[in-house]
Each structure stands twice: as structure tokens, then as C-alpha cells.
Amino acid sequence: MRSELFQEAQETQRLGMHRQNRKMLRVGLNGEFYARRGSMSAYQGSVDFSFQGAGSVGRFFKKTFTGEGLPLMRVSGQGDVFLAHNAWDVHLVDLESDSLTVNGDNVLAFESTLEWDIRRVQGFGGMVSGGLFNTVFTGQGRVAIVCNGAPVLLNVDQPTFVDTKSAVAWSSSLSAGIRSTVKAGAVIGRGSGEAFQLALEGQGFVLVQPSEGAPAAHGG
């Protein structure tokens, strides 16, 4: 039997997290990692999937109170695991004893060596809709994030403003807040009457996706 598929779609063989292709993550597993619940496409070997709660009382309270979109599962064992989320593009970020803030909707998986917490973006009491409670990863390890479309990486060296649902990830060293443009919301936003933007200042970067994501996509 012959087909281009047998070459183009052949699985990679490396241990750890690697992109199988633009839309799929392959994890050569010998230990454990954490992934978005419902993101498993296939697996081989002796692999266990279990519910992963918030991990601490404080984090559980913030997760429950904010509705942060990061439902996790713990994946452990030995084998190969393939993950995807709504056919979004997969990107890998290696943290080297530093910190990264990621919108919970854009987290696909991360290594267990990383610490994580839910943080509130300051402004309007944090109760404005639009994903203003985000996940901060710290330490050394790899994070797999997903973007709905090809993103742009903006260098933040001047005040920068991003649609709250288009912001995928940004340097945790940046000062983040909320800017209100109530009068101009329906003019400058791509949605209807968008009146708030994520405001970033300092030195760092922000990753912006061209889409606002799936309206109700918190699952797999």
C-alpha cells in the first residue's frame, strides 16, 4: 500500500512535548504532565488520565469564583499521547526559570515541573467579562499553547492595547490592566460594542491571535 500520508503523517519519536504538526501535539510520555480536559485525540501504551483540581484552596477558590477556562487532567504513565483543541494551531514555549501569563482558553498542556496560579488582571474589580483572570506559569519547563489562527508577536516597548479575547499570552513582567473605551467600543472593536481592552506597559511581549476564539469553547 502506498500513500503520501505514510510519510507526511508519520508520528515523531522524541520524548517530551513536540509538535506532531501545526494542529496536534505529541507527548512522548515517561512520567506525568498536565493537559486540558477533553484534548486527547489518541494515545498508545500504558497511560492514565485523571481529574486534576485546582491544587490548593486559594487556587480552587479563584478558579471557582472566576470561572477561569483551564479545566485540567493529569496524564501519567508511559506511552505516546496526542492532543489537540478545535484544530487550533499549536505552539511551544520553553520557560527557563522565568514566568509567562497565558489566557486559560489557550492552554493545551504543560510539564509538571512548572508552577501555575490564577491571577486577576487589575481593573474594574476584575468582574468585566472577557477572560481577565489568566494563568501564570513559573519555573523551568515547556508549555503548549493553542491559537485560533496565525498569531502576531508584539514587542511591548510602549503602551499596548489588545482585545481581551485576542490576547493569548504575555510577559508576566509587564504591568497589565484594563482600559475602558465605552464611547468608542463599537467603533474600534471587532465585536459588537467592545468597550474594554487589555492594557500592557513595560518591557516585554504579547502574543495576539487574529480570532476572538470559540464563543463557548472551554472543553476539548
N, C-alpha and C. Protein backbone atom coordinates (compact mmCIF):
# COMPACT_ATOMS: atom_id res chain seq x y z
N MET A 1 0.84 -1.20 0.00
CA MET A 1 0.00 0.00 0.00
C MET A 1 0.87 1.24 0.00
N ARG A 2 0.53 2.24 -0.81
CA ARG A 2 1.31 3.46 -0.90
C ARG A 2 0.42 4.69 -0.76
N SER A 3 0.93 5.71 -0.11
CA SER A 3 0.24 6.98 0.02
C SER A 3 1.21 8.01 0.58
N GLU A 4 1.04 9.26 0.17
CA GLU A 4 1.84 10.33 0.75
C GLU A 4 1.61 10.45 2.25
N LEU A 5 0.44 10.03 2.71
CA LEU A 5 0.13 10.08 4.13
C LEU A 5 1.14 9.31 4.97
N PHE A 6 1.64 8.19 4.43
CA PHE A 6 2.54 7.35 5.21
C PHE A 6 3.86 8.04 5.52
N GLN A 7 4.17 9.09 4.78
CA GLN A 7 5.37 9.88 5.06
C GLN A 7 5.01 11.17 5.80
N GLU A 8 4.00 11.87 5.29
CA GLU A 8 3.67 13.19 5.83
C GLU A 8 3.08 13.12 7.24
N ALA A 9 2.33 12.06 7.54
CA ALA A 9 1.65 11.97 8.83
C ALA A 9 2.32 11.01 9.80
N GLN A 10 3.51 10.53 9.45
CA GLN A 10 4.21 9.60 10.33
C GLN A 10 4.51 10.26 11.67
N GLU A 11 4.23 9.56 12.76
CA GLU A 11 4.44 10.16 14.08
C GLU A 11 5.92 10.37 14.37
N THR A 12 6.19 11.42 15.15
CA THR A 12 7.56 11.67 15.59
C THR A 12 7.90 10.68 16.70
N GLN A 13 9.16 10.60 17.06
CA GLN A 13 9.59 9.56 18.01
C GLN A 13 10.29 10.11 19.25
N ARG A 14 10.30 11.44 19.45
CA ARG A 14 11.06 12.01 20.56
C ARG A 14 10.27 11.99 21.86
N LEU A 15 10.99 11.91 22.97
CA LEU A 15 10.38 12.02 24.28
C LEU A 15 10.00 13.47 24.56
N GLY A 16 9.01 13.66 25.43
CA GLY A 16 8.60 15.00 25.80
C GLY A 16 7.58 15.58 24.83
N MET A 17 7.33 16.90 24.99
CA MET A 17 6.33 17.59 24.18
C MET A 17 6.93 18.11 22.89
N HIS A 18 6.33 17.72 21.77
CA HIS A 18 6.76 18.19 20.46
C HIS A 18 5.53 18.30 19.55
N ARG A 19 5.61 19.21 18.59
CA ARG A 19 4.51 19.32 17.64
C ARG A 19 4.55 18.16 16.65
N GLN A 20 3.45 17.42 16.58
CA GLN A 20 3.33 16.41 15.54
C GLN A 20 3.11 17.09 14.19
N ASN A 21 2.31 18.13 14.22
CA ASN A 21 2.08 19.01 13.07
C ASN A 21 1.53 20.32 13.61
N ARG A 22 1.08 21.21 12.75
CA ARG A 22 0.62 22.53 13.20
C ARG A 22 -0.57 22.45 14.15
N LYS A 23 -1.37 21.40 14.03
CA LYS A 23 -2.62 21.32 14.77
C LYS A 23 -2.60 20.32 15.92
N MET A 24 -1.53 19.56 16.05
CA MET A 24 -1.52 18.47 17.02
C MET A 24 -0.21 18.40 17.80
N LEU A 25 -0.34 18.14 19.10
CA LEU A 25 0.81 17.97 19.99
C LEU A 25 1.00 16.49 20.27
N ARG A 26 2.26 16.03 20.19
CA ARG A 26 2.58 14.66 20.60
C ARG A 26 3.45 14.72 21.84
N VAL A 27 3.11 13.93 22.84
CA VAL A 27 3.90 13.84 24.07
C VAL A 27 4.43 12.43 24.20
N GLY A 28 5.76 12.28 24.09
CA GLY A 28 6.41 11.01 24.39
C GLY A 28 6.52 10.91 25.90
N LEU A 29 5.64 10.15 26.51
CA LEU A 29 5.43 10.20 27.96
C LEU A 29 6.21 9.13 28.70
N ASN A 30 6.93 9.59 29.73
CA ASN A 30 7.56 8.69 30.70
C ASN A 30 7.55 9.41 32.04
N GLY A 31 6.38 9.47 32.64
CA GLY A 31 6.21 10.25 33.86
C GLY A 31 4.82 10.85 33.89
N GLU A 32 4.74 12.20 33.98
CA GLU A 32 3.43 12.84 34.02
C GLU A 32 3.50 14.26 33.45
N PHE A 33 2.35 14.76 33.03
CA PHE A 33 2.19 16.15 32.64
C PHE A 33 0.73 16.50 32.81
N TYR A 34 0.39 17.77 32.57
CA TYR A 34 -0.99 18.22 32.71
C TYR A 34 -1.50 18.71 31.36
N ALA A 35 -2.76 18.44 31.09
CA ALA A 35 -3.35 18.82 29.80
C ALA A 35 -4.78 19.29 29.99
N ARG A 36 -5.25 19.99 29.01
CA ARG A 36 -6.64 20.45 29.00
C ARG A 36 -7.57 19.25 28.93
N ARG A 37 -8.55 19.20 29.80
CA ARG A 37 -9.50 18.10 29.77
C ARG A 37 -10.22 18.06 28.43
N GLY A 38 -10.35 16.86 27.89
CA GLY A 38 -11.04 16.69 26.62
C GLY A 38 -10.18 16.91 25.40
N SER A 39 -8.86 17.14 25.60
CA SER A 39 -8.00 17.44 24.46
C SER A 39 -7.34 16.21 23.84
N MET A 40 -7.51 15.03 24.45
CA MET A 40 -6.85 13.84 23.95
C MET A 40 -7.47 13.38 22.63
N SER A 41 -6.61 13.23 21.61
CA SER A 41 -7.07 12.72 20.31
C SER A 41 -6.78 11.23 20.17
N ALA A 42 -5.64 10.78 20.70
CA ALA A 42 -5.27 9.36 20.65
C ALA A 42 -4.14 9.13 21.63
N TYR A 43 -3.96 7.86 22.04
CA TYR A 43 -2.78 7.52 22.85
C TYR A 43 -2.43 6.05 22.67
N GLN A 44 -1.17 5.75 22.94
CA GLN A 44 -0.67 4.38 22.88
C GLN A 44 0.12 4.10 24.15
N GLY A 45 0.07 2.87 24.61
CA GLY A 45 0.86 2.49 25.78
C GLY A 45 0.02 2.45 27.04
N SER A 46 0.71 2.49 28.17
CA SER A 46 0.07 2.43 29.49
C SER A 46 -0.06 3.85 30.02
N VAL A 47 -1.19 4.48 29.77
CA VAL A 47 -1.39 5.89 30.10
C VAL A 47 -2.66 6.03 30.93
N ASP A 48 -2.58 6.83 31.99
CA ASP A 48 -3.71 7.07 32.86
C ASP A 48 -4.12 8.53 32.81
N PHE A 49 -5.42 8.76 32.74
CA PHE A 49 -5.96 10.13 32.73
C PHE A 49 -6.82 10.31 33.97
N SER A 50 -6.56 11.36 34.74
CA SER A 50 -7.33 11.59 35.95
C SER A 50 -7.66 13.06 36.10
N PHE A 51 -8.77 13.35 36.79
CA PHE A 51 -9.18 14.72 37.02
C PHE A 51 -8.13 15.44 37.86
N GLN A 52 -7.79 16.67 37.47
CA GLN A 52 -6.86 17.49 38.23
C GLN A 52 -7.58 18.73 38.70
N GLY A 53 -7.73 18.86 40.01
CA GLY A 53 -8.38 20.03 40.58
C GLY A 53 -7.46 21.22 40.58
N ALA A 54 -7.87 22.27 41.26
CA ALA A 54 -7.08 23.50 41.29
C ALA A 54 -5.79 23.34 42.08
N GLY A 55 -5.72 22.35 42.97
CA GLY A 55 -4.44 22.06 43.61
C GLY A 55 -4.21 22.72 44.94
N SER A 56 -4.88 23.80 45.24
CA SER A 56 -4.76 24.46 46.53
C SER A 56 -6.07 25.16 46.83
N VAL A 57 -6.32 25.43 48.10
CA VAL A 57 -7.57 26.07 48.48
C VAL A 57 -7.70 27.44 47.81
N GLY A 58 -6.62 28.22 47.85
CA GLY A 58 -6.66 29.55 47.24
C GLY A 58 -6.90 29.50 45.76
N ARG A 59 -6.23 28.56 45.09
CA ARG A 59 -6.37 28.44 43.64
C ARG A 59 -7.76 27.91 43.29
N PHE A 60 -8.27 26.97 44.11
CA PHE A 60 -9.60 26.44 43.87
C PHE A 60 -10.65 27.53 44.01
N PHE A 61 -10.50 28.39 45.01
CA PHE A 61 -11.45 29.48 45.20
C PHE A 61 -11.42 30.43 44.01
N LYS A 62 -10.20 30.78 43.56
CA LYS A 62 -10.10 31.69 42.43
C LYS A 62 -10.68 31.07 41.17
N LYS A 63 -10.43 29.78 40.97
CA LYS A 63 -10.94 29.09 39.78
C LYS A 63 -12.46 29.05 39.80
N THR A 64 -13.04 28.75 40.98
CA THR A 64 -14.49 28.67 41.09
C THR A 64 -15.13 30.05 40.95
N PHE A 65 -14.52 31.04 41.58
CA PHE A 65 -15.07 32.38 41.60
C PHE A 65 -14.98 33.05 40.23
N THR A 66 -13.88 32.79 39.52
CA THR A 66 -13.65 33.49 38.27
C THR A 66 -14.17 32.75 37.05
N GLY A 67 -14.37 31.43 37.18
CA GLY A 67 -14.76 30.66 36.00
C GLY A 67 -13.63 30.56 35.01
N GLU A 68 -12.39 30.63 35.49
CA GLU A 68 -11.23 30.59 34.61
C GLU A 68 -11.25 29.34 33.75
N GLY A 69 -11.03 29.52 32.42
CA GLY A 69 -11.17 28.42 31.49
C GLY A 69 -9.96 27.51 31.42
N LEU A 70 -9.62 26.83 32.51
CA LEU A 70 -8.50 25.91 32.48
C LEU A 70 -8.87 24.61 33.19
N PRO A 71 -9.79 23.83 32.61
CA PRO A 71 -10.14 22.52 33.18
C PRO A 71 -9.02 21.53 32.87
N LEU A 72 -8.39 20.97 33.90
CA LEU A 72 -7.18 20.17 33.71
C LEU A 72 -7.41 18.69 33.95
N MET A 73 -6.57 17.88 33.30
CA MET A 73 -6.44 16.47 33.62
C MET A 73 -4.96 16.15 33.80
N ARG A 74 -4.69 15.21 34.68
CA ARG A 74 -3.33 14.74 34.92
C ARG A 74 -3.10 13.50 34.06
N VAL A 75 -2.05 13.52 33.27
CA VAL A 75 -1.74 12.41 32.37
C VAL A 75 -0.44 11.77 32.85
N SER A 76 -0.48 10.48 33.13
CA SER A 76 0.70 9.80 33.68
C SER A 76 0.87 8.44 33.05
N GLY A 77 2.12 7.92 33.14
CA GLY A 77 2.41 6.59 32.62
C GLY A 77 3.52 6.61 31.59
N GLN A 78 3.47 5.63 30.70
CA GLN A 78 4.45 5.51 29.63
C GLN A 78 3.73 5.25 28.32
N GLY A 79 4.11 6.02 27.31
CA GLY A 79 3.48 5.85 26.01
C GLY A 79 3.51 7.12 25.19
N ASP A 80 2.62 7.21 24.25
CA ASP A 80 2.53 8.37 23.36
C ASP A 80 1.11 8.93 23.45
N VAL A 81 1.02 10.25 23.65
CA VAL A 81 -0.27 10.90 23.79
C VAL A 81 -0.36 12.02 22.74
N PHE A 82 -1.49 12.08 22.04
CA PHE A 82 -1.71 13.10 21.01
C PHE A 82 -2.85 14.01 21.46
N LEU A 83 -2.57 15.33 21.46
CA LEU A 83 -3.53 16.30 21.96
C LEU A 83 -3.84 17.35 20.90
N ALA A 84 -5.07 17.87 20.92
CA ALA A 84 -5.47 18.95 20.03
C ALA A 84 -6.64 19.68 20.65
N HIS A 85 -6.91 20.89 20.14
CA HIS A 85 -8.04 21.68 20.65
C HIS A 85 -8.67 22.45 19.50
N ASN A 86 -9.82 21.97 19.04
CA ASN A 86 -10.60 22.65 18.00
C ASN A 86 -9.80 22.93 16.73
N ALA A 87 -8.80 22.09 16.43
CA ALA A 87 -7.94 22.27 15.25
C ALA A 87 -7.22 23.61 15.26
N TRP A 88 -6.98 24.18 16.45
CA TRP A 88 -6.20 25.42 16.56
C TRP A 88 -4.72 25.10 16.38
N ASP A 89 -3.95 26.11 16.02
CA ASP A 89 -2.51 25.94 15.82
C ASP A 89 -1.80 25.76 17.16
N VAL A 90 -0.87 24.82 17.21
CA VAL A 90 -0.12 24.52 18.43
C VAL A 90 1.23 25.22 18.40
N HIS A 91 1.60 25.84 19.51
CA HIS A 91 2.90 26.49 19.65
C HIS A 91 3.51 26.08 21.00
N LEU A 92 4.83 25.95 21.03
CA LEU A 92 5.53 25.54 22.25
C LEU A 92 6.37 26.68 22.79
N VAL A 93 6.33 26.85 24.10
CA VAL A 93 7.12 27.87 24.78
C VAL A 93 7.93 27.19 25.88
N ASP A 94 9.23 27.41 25.88
CA ASP A 94 10.10 26.88 26.92
C ASP A 94 10.40 27.96 27.95
N LEU A 95 9.98 27.75 29.17
CA LEU A 95 10.29 28.67 30.25
C LEU A 95 11.63 28.27 30.86
N GLU A 96 12.49 29.24 31.06
CA GLU A 96 13.83 28.99 31.61
C GLU A 96 14.00 29.80 32.88
N SER A 97 13.36 29.29 33.95
CA SER A 97 13.36 29.96 35.25
C SER A 97 12.77 31.36 35.15
N ASP A 98 11.75 31.53 34.32
CA ASP A 98 11.06 32.80 34.21
C ASP A 98 9.56 32.55 34.26
N SER A 99 8.76 33.53 33.83
CA SER A 99 7.32 33.47 34.04
C SER A 99 6.58 33.94 32.80
N LEU A 100 5.42 33.33 32.55
CA LEU A 100 4.59 33.67 31.39
C LEU A 100 3.12 33.65 31.80
N THR A 101 2.38 34.65 31.37
CA THR A 101 0.93 34.70 31.61
C THR A 101 0.21 34.26 30.35
N VAL A 102 -0.74 33.33 30.51
CA VAL A 102 -1.47 32.77 29.37
C VAL A 102 -2.96 32.81 29.65
N ASN A 103 -3.73 33.21 28.65
CA ASN A 103 -5.18 33.11 28.72
C ASN A 103 -5.54 31.64 28.89
N GLY A 104 -6.38 31.32 29.86
CA GLY A 104 -6.73 29.92 30.12
C GLY A 104 -7.29 29.20 28.91
N ASP A 105 -8.01 29.91 28.06
CA ASP A 105 -8.59 29.30 26.87
C ASP A 105 -7.54 28.83 25.87
N ASN A 106 -6.32 29.32 26.02
CA ASN A 106 -5.26 29.00 25.05
C ASN A 106 -4.24 28.00 25.58
N VAL A 107 -4.46 27.45 26.76
CA VAL A 107 -3.55 26.45 27.33
C VAL A 107 -3.96 25.07 26.83
N LEU A 108 -3.00 24.35 26.25
CA LEU A 108 -3.26 22.97 25.82
C LEU A 108 -2.65 21.97 26.79
N ALA A 109 -1.38 22.18 27.18
CA ALA A 109 -0.70 21.25 28.09
C ALA A 109 0.54 21.93 28.66
N PHE A 110 1.04 21.39 29.77
CA PHE A 110 2.29 21.89 30.33
C PHE A 110 2.95 20.83 31.19
N GLU A 111 4.26 20.94 31.30
CA GLU A 111 5.03 19.97 32.06
C GLU A 111 4.83 20.17 33.56
N SER A 112 4.91 19.07 34.30
CA SER A 112 4.64 19.11 35.74
C SER A 112 5.72 19.83 36.53
N THR A 113 6.83 20.16 35.89
CA THR A 113 7.90 20.89 36.58
C THR A 113 7.54 22.36 36.79
N LEU A 114 6.51 22.84 36.12
CA LEU A 114 6.12 24.25 36.21
C LEU A 114 5.13 24.49 37.35
N GLU A 115 5.27 25.61 38.02
CA GLU A 115 4.27 26.08 38.96
C GLU A 115 3.24 26.90 38.20
N TRP A 116 1.98 26.84 38.66
CA TRP A 116 0.96 27.64 37.99
C TRP A 116 -0.02 28.21 39.01
N ASP A 117 -0.58 29.36 38.65
CA ASP A 117 -1.53 30.02 39.53
C ASP A 117 -2.47 30.86 38.68
N ILE A 118 -3.63 31.18 39.23
CA ILE A 118 -4.60 32.03 38.56
C ILE A 118 -4.49 33.43 39.11
N ARG A 119 -4.29 34.40 38.23
CA ARG A 119 -4.13 35.79 38.63
C ARG A 119 -5.21 36.65 37.99
N ARG A 120 -5.55 37.72 38.69
CA ARG A 120 -6.56 38.64 38.19
C ARG A 120 -5.90 39.86 37.57
N VAL A 121 -6.32 40.21 36.36
CA VAL A 121 -5.86 41.45 35.76
C VAL A 121 -6.56 42.60 36.47
N GLN A 122 -5.81 43.58 36.91
CA GLN A 122 -6.37 44.67 37.69
C GLN A 122 -7.28 45.56 36.85
N GLY A 123 -8.35 46.02 37.48
CA GLY A 123 -9.25 46.95 36.79
C GLY A 123 -10.70 46.55 36.92
N PHE A 124 -11.54 47.46 37.31
CA PHE A 124 -12.98 47.25 37.42
C PHE A 124 -13.31 46.05 38.30
N GLY A 125 -12.49 45.83 39.33
CA GLY A 125 -12.76 44.74 40.26
C GLY A 125 -12.60 43.37 39.64
N GLY A 126 -12.10 43.30 38.41
CA GLY A 126 -11.89 42.02 37.75
C GLY A 126 -13.17 41.35 37.31
N MET A 127 -14.29 42.04 37.39
CA MET A 127 -15.56 41.39 37.09
C MET A 127 -16.05 41.66 35.68
N VAL A 128 -15.24 42.32 34.86
CA VAL A 128 -15.62 42.55 33.47
C VAL A 128 -15.43 41.25 32.70
N SER A 129 -16.37 40.89 31.83
CA SER A 129 -16.23 39.68 31.05
C SER A 129 -15.10 39.83 30.04
N GLY A 130 -14.56 38.69 29.59
CA GLY A 130 -13.52 38.74 28.56
C GLY A 130 -12.24 38.06 28.96
N GLY A 131 -12.29 37.12 29.91
CA GLY A 131 -11.10 36.35 30.23
C GLY A 131 -10.04 37.15 30.94
N LEU A 132 -10.41 37.94 31.95
CA LEU A 132 -9.44 38.80 32.62
C LEU A 132 -8.79 38.11 33.81
N PHE A 133 -9.14 36.88 34.05
CA PHE A 133 -8.43 36.04 35.01
C PHE A 133 -7.61 35.06 34.18
N ASN A 134 -6.30 35.10 34.35
CA ASN A 134 -5.42 34.32 33.49
C ASN A 134 -4.49 33.44 34.31
N THR A 135 -3.81 32.54 33.64
CA THR A 135 -2.95 31.57 34.30
C THR A 135 -1.49 31.97 34.15
N VAL A 136 -0.78 32.00 35.26
CA VAL A 136 0.63 32.37 35.26
C VAL A 136 1.48 31.12 35.50
N PHE A 137 2.38 30.84 34.58
CA PHE A 137 3.31 29.70 34.70
C PHE A 137 4.68 30.24 35.09
N THR A 138 5.32 29.55 36.03
CA THR A 138 6.62 29.99 36.52
C THR A 138 7.55 28.79 36.67
N GLY A 139 8.83 29.00 36.36
CA GLY A 139 9.83 27.96 36.59
C GLY A 139 10.51 27.53 35.32
N GLN A 140 10.79 26.24 35.24
CA GLN A 140 11.50 25.70 34.10
C GLN A 140 10.71 24.53 33.54
N GLY A 141 10.34 24.65 32.27
CA GLY A 141 9.55 23.60 31.64
C GLY A 141 8.88 24.12 30.39
N ARG A 142 8.11 23.26 29.76
CA ARG A 142 7.50 23.58 28.46
C ARG A 142 5.99 23.71 28.59
N VAL A 143 5.46 24.73 27.90
CA VAL A 143 4.01 24.96 27.83
C VAL A 143 3.59 24.86 26.37
N ALA A 144 2.52 24.13 26.12
CA ALA A 144 1.93 24.07 24.78
C ALA A 144 0.70 24.95 24.77
N ILE A 145 0.69 25.95 23.91
CA ILE A 145 -0.47 26.84 23.80
C ILE A 145 -1.07 26.69 22.40
N VAL A 146 -2.35 27.06 22.29
CA VAL A 146 -3.04 26.98 21.01
C VAL A 146 -3.58 28.35 20.63
N CYS A 147 -3.54 28.64 19.34
CA CYS A 147 -4.04 29.91 18.82
C CYS A 147 -5.05 29.64 17.71
N ASN A 148 -6.11 30.41 17.71
CA ASN A 148 -7.12 30.31 16.65
C ASN A 148 -6.68 31.19 15.49
N GLY A 149 -5.83 30.64 14.63
CA GLY A 149 -5.24 31.40 13.53
C GLY A 149 -3.80 31.73 13.83
N ALA A 150 -3.08 32.20 12.81
CA ALA A 150 -1.66 32.54 12.97
C ALA A 150 -1.53 33.82 13.79
N PRO A 151 -0.80 33.77 14.92
CA PRO A 151 -0.71 34.93 15.81
C PRO A 151 0.37 35.91 15.37
N VAL A 152 0.34 37.09 15.99
CA VAL A 152 1.41 38.06 15.82
C VAL A 152 2.03 38.31 17.20
N LEU A 153 3.35 38.43 17.25
CA LEU A 153 4.07 38.70 18.49
C LEU A 153 4.44 40.17 18.51
N LEU A 154 3.85 40.92 19.42
CA LEU A 154 4.10 42.36 19.52
C LEU A 154 5.14 42.64 20.59
N ASN A 155 6.13 43.42 20.23
CA ASN A 155 7.11 43.87 21.21
C ASN A 155 6.50 45.03 21.99
N VAL A 156 6.39 44.88 23.30
CA VAL A 156 5.79 45.92 24.13
C VAL A 156 6.91 46.81 24.67
N ASP A 157 7.11 47.95 24.02
CA ASP A 157 8.06 48.95 24.50
C ASP A 157 7.38 50.31 24.58
N GLN A 158 6.06 50.30 24.42
CA GLN A 158 5.23 51.49 24.55
C GLN A 158 3.84 50.99 24.96
N PRO A 159 2.96 51.84 25.48
CA PRO A 159 1.63 51.37 25.88
C PRO A 159 0.95 50.60 24.75
N THR A 160 0.48 49.40 25.07
CA THR A 160 -0.09 48.50 24.08
C THR A 160 -1.46 48.03 24.56
N PHE A 161 -2.43 47.99 23.64
CA PHE A 161 -3.80 47.64 24.00
C PHE A 161 -4.28 46.51 23.09
N VAL A 162 -4.85 45.47 23.71
CA VAL A 162 -5.24 44.27 22.97
C VAL A 162 -6.65 43.86 23.37
N ASP A 163 -7.44 43.45 22.39
CA ASP A 163 -8.75 42.89 22.67
C ASP A 163 -8.58 41.78 23.71
N THR A 164 -9.43 41.78 24.73
CA THR A 164 -9.24 40.84 25.84
C THR A 164 -9.34 39.38 25.43
N LYS A 165 -10.08 39.09 24.35
CA LYS A 165 -10.21 37.70 23.90
C LYS A 165 -9.18 37.33 22.84
N SER A 166 -8.47 38.32 22.33
CA SER A 166 -7.44 38.05 21.33
C SER A 166 -6.06 37.89 21.96
N ALA A 167 -5.90 38.34 23.20
CA ALA A 167 -4.61 38.21 23.89
C ALA A 167 -4.41 36.76 24.31
N VAL A 168 -3.36 36.13 23.78
CA VAL A 168 -3.07 34.73 24.06
C VAL A 168 -2.14 34.60 25.25
N ALA A 169 -1.02 35.33 25.23
CA ALA A 169 -0.01 35.22 26.28
C ALA A 169 0.83 36.49 26.29
N TRP A 170 1.41 36.80 27.46
CA TRP A 170 2.27 37.96 27.54
C TRP A 170 3.27 37.80 28.67
N SER A 171 4.32 38.61 28.62
CA SER A 171 5.36 38.59 29.64
C SER A 171 4.75 38.94 31.00
N SER A 172 5.01 38.11 32.00
CA SER A 172 4.46 38.38 33.32
C SER A 172 5.08 39.61 33.96
N SER A 173 6.21 40.06 33.42
CA SER A 173 6.87 41.25 33.96
C SER A 173 6.14 42.53 33.57
N LEU A 174 5.24 42.44 32.58
CA LEU A 174 4.50 43.62 32.14
C LEU A 174 3.45 44.03 33.17
N SER A 175 3.18 45.31 33.23
CA SER A 175 2.08 45.82 34.03
C SER A 175 0.81 45.70 33.20
N ALA A 176 -0.15 44.92 33.71
CA ALA A 176 -1.38 44.65 32.96
C ALA A 176 -2.58 45.26 33.66
N GLY A 177 -3.44 45.88 32.90
CA GLY A 177 -4.66 46.46 33.44
C GLY A 177 -5.74 46.46 32.38
N ILE A 178 -6.84 47.14 32.70
CA ILE A 178 -7.98 47.20 31.78
C ILE A 178 -8.23 48.65 31.38
N ARG A 179 -8.38 48.86 30.08
CA ARG A 179 -8.69 50.20 29.59
C ARG A 179 -10.12 50.22 29.09
N SER A 180 -10.84 51.25 29.48
CA SER A 180 -12.22 51.40 29.05
C SER A 180 -12.32 52.39 27.90
N THR A 181 -12.99 51.96 26.84
CA THR A 181 -13.29 52.86 25.71
C THR A 181 -14.78 52.73 25.42
N VAL A 182 -15.56 53.04 26.43
CA VAL A 182 -17.00 52.83 26.34
C VAL A 182 -17.61 53.54 25.12
N LYS A 183 -17.24 54.79 24.93
CA LYS A 183 -17.84 55.55 23.82
C LYS A 183 -17.38 55.05 22.46
N ALA A 184 -16.13 54.57 22.41
CA ALA A 184 -15.58 54.13 21.12
C ALA A 184 -15.64 52.63 20.93
N GLY A 185 -16.22 51.91 21.91
CA GLY A 185 -16.20 50.45 21.87
C GLY A 185 -16.73 49.86 20.59
N ALA A 186 -17.87 50.36 20.12
CA ALA A 186 -18.49 49.79 18.92
C ALA A 186 -17.73 50.17 17.66
N VAL A 187 -16.80 51.11 17.76
CA VAL A 187 -16.06 51.56 16.59
C VAL A 187 -14.74 50.82 16.44
N ILE A 188 -13.98 50.69 17.55
CA ILE A 188 -12.63 50.13 17.44
C ILE A 188 -12.59 48.62 17.61
N GLY A 189 -13.59 48.02 18.26
CA GLY A 189 -13.60 46.58 18.46
C GLY A 189 -14.16 45.85 17.27
N ARG A 190 -13.78 44.58 17.14
CA ARG A 190 -14.31 43.78 16.04
C ARG A 190 -15.67 43.20 16.38
N GLY A 191 -15.96 43.12 17.68
CA GLY A 191 -17.26 42.63 18.10
C GLY A 191 -18.24 43.78 18.26
N SER A 192 -19.37 43.49 18.82
CA SER A 192 -20.41 44.50 18.99
C SER A 192 -20.22 45.23 20.31
N GLY A 193 -19.88 46.50 20.23
CA GLY A 193 -19.80 47.34 21.41
C GLY A 193 -18.70 46.98 22.38
N GLU A 194 -17.57 46.47 21.91
CA GLU A 194 -16.47 46.11 22.80
C GLU A 194 -15.88 47.37 23.42
N ALA A 195 -15.90 47.41 24.74
CA ALA A 195 -15.54 48.65 25.42
C ALA A 195 -14.30 48.51 26.29
N PHE A 196 -13.69 47.33 26.36
CA PHE A 196 -12.55 47.12 27.24
C PHE A 196 -11.41 46.44 26.49
N GLN A 197 -10.20 46.89 26.79
CA GLN A 197 -9.02 46.26 26.22
C GLN A 197 -8.02 45.96 27.33
N LEU A 198 -7.21 44.95 27.09
CA LEU A 198 -6.09 44.65 27.98
C LEU A 198 -5.02 45.70 27.71
N ALA A 199 -4.62 46.42 28.74
CA ALA A 199 -3.59 47.46 28.61
C ALA A 199 -2.29 46.95 29.21
N LEU A 200 -1.23 46.98 28.42
CA LEU A 200 0.07 46.47 28.84
C LEU A 200 1.13 47.57 28.76
N GLU A 201 1.96 47.64 29.79
CA GLU A 201 3.05 48.61 29.80
C GLU A 201 4.29 47.96 30.39
N GLY A 202 5.45 48.47 29.95
CA GLY A 202 6.73 47.96 30.43
C GLY A 202 7.57 47.47 29.27
N GLN A 203 8.39 46.47 29.53
CA GLN A 203 9.24 45.87 28.52
C GLN A 203 8.95 44.38 28.44
N GLY A 204 8.52 43.93 27.27
CA GLY A 204 8.20 42.52 27.11
C GLY A 204 7.50 42.27 25.79
N PHE A 205 6.61 41.28 25.77
CA PHE A 205 5.91 40.94 24.54
C PHE A 205 4.49 40.49 24.85
N VAL A 206 3.64 40.52 23.83
CA VAL A 206 2.31 39.95 23.93
C VAL A 206 2.02 39.21 22.64
N LEU A 207 1.44 38.03 22.77
CA LEU A 207 1.07 37.21 21.62
C LEU A 207 -0.42 37.39 21.37
N VAL A 208 -0.77 37.78 20.12
CA VAL A 208 -2.15 38.13 19.79
C VAL A 208 -2.65 37.23 18.66
N GLN A 209 -3.80 36.60 18.87
CA GLN A 209 -4.39 35.78 17.81
C GLN A 209 -5.40 36.61 17.01
N PRO A 210 -5.60 36.27 15.73
CA PRO A 210 -6.49 37.07 14.89
C PRO A 210 -7.96 36.84 15.16
N SER A 211 -8.28 35.80 15.91
CA SER A 211 -9.67 35.48 16.22
C SER A 211 -9.94 35.74 17.69
N GLU A 212 -11.21 35.91 18.03
CA GLU A 212 -11.60 36.03 19.43
C GLU A 212 -11.87 34.67 20.04
N GLY A 213 -11.59 33.61 19.30
CA GLY A 213 -11.79 32.27 19.82
C GLY A 213 -13.22 31.80 19.68
N ALA A 214 -13.43 30.55 20.09
CA ALA A 214 -14.78 29.99 20.03
C ALA A 214 -15.61 30.57 21.17
N PRO A 215 -16.84 31.02 20.91
CA PRO A 215 -17.65 31.70 21.92
C PRO A 215 -17.85 30.89 23.19
N ALA A 216 -18.01 29.57 23.09
CA ALA A 216 -18.26 28.77 24.29
C ALA A 216 -17.36 27.56 24.33
N ALA A 217 -16.08 27.74 23.98
CA ALA A 217 -15.15 26.61 23.88
C ALA A 217 -14.28 26.52 25.11
N HIS A 218 -14.77 25.82 26.17
CA HIS A 218 -13.95 25.56 27.34
C HIS A 218 -13.64 24.09 27.46
N GLY A 219 -14.13 23.30 26.55
CA GLY A 219 -13.87 21.88 26.61
C GLY A 219 -12.80 21.49 25.62
N GLY A 220 -12.92 20.27 25.05
CA GLY A 220 -11.90 19.80 24.15
C GLY A 220 -12.19 20.19 22.76
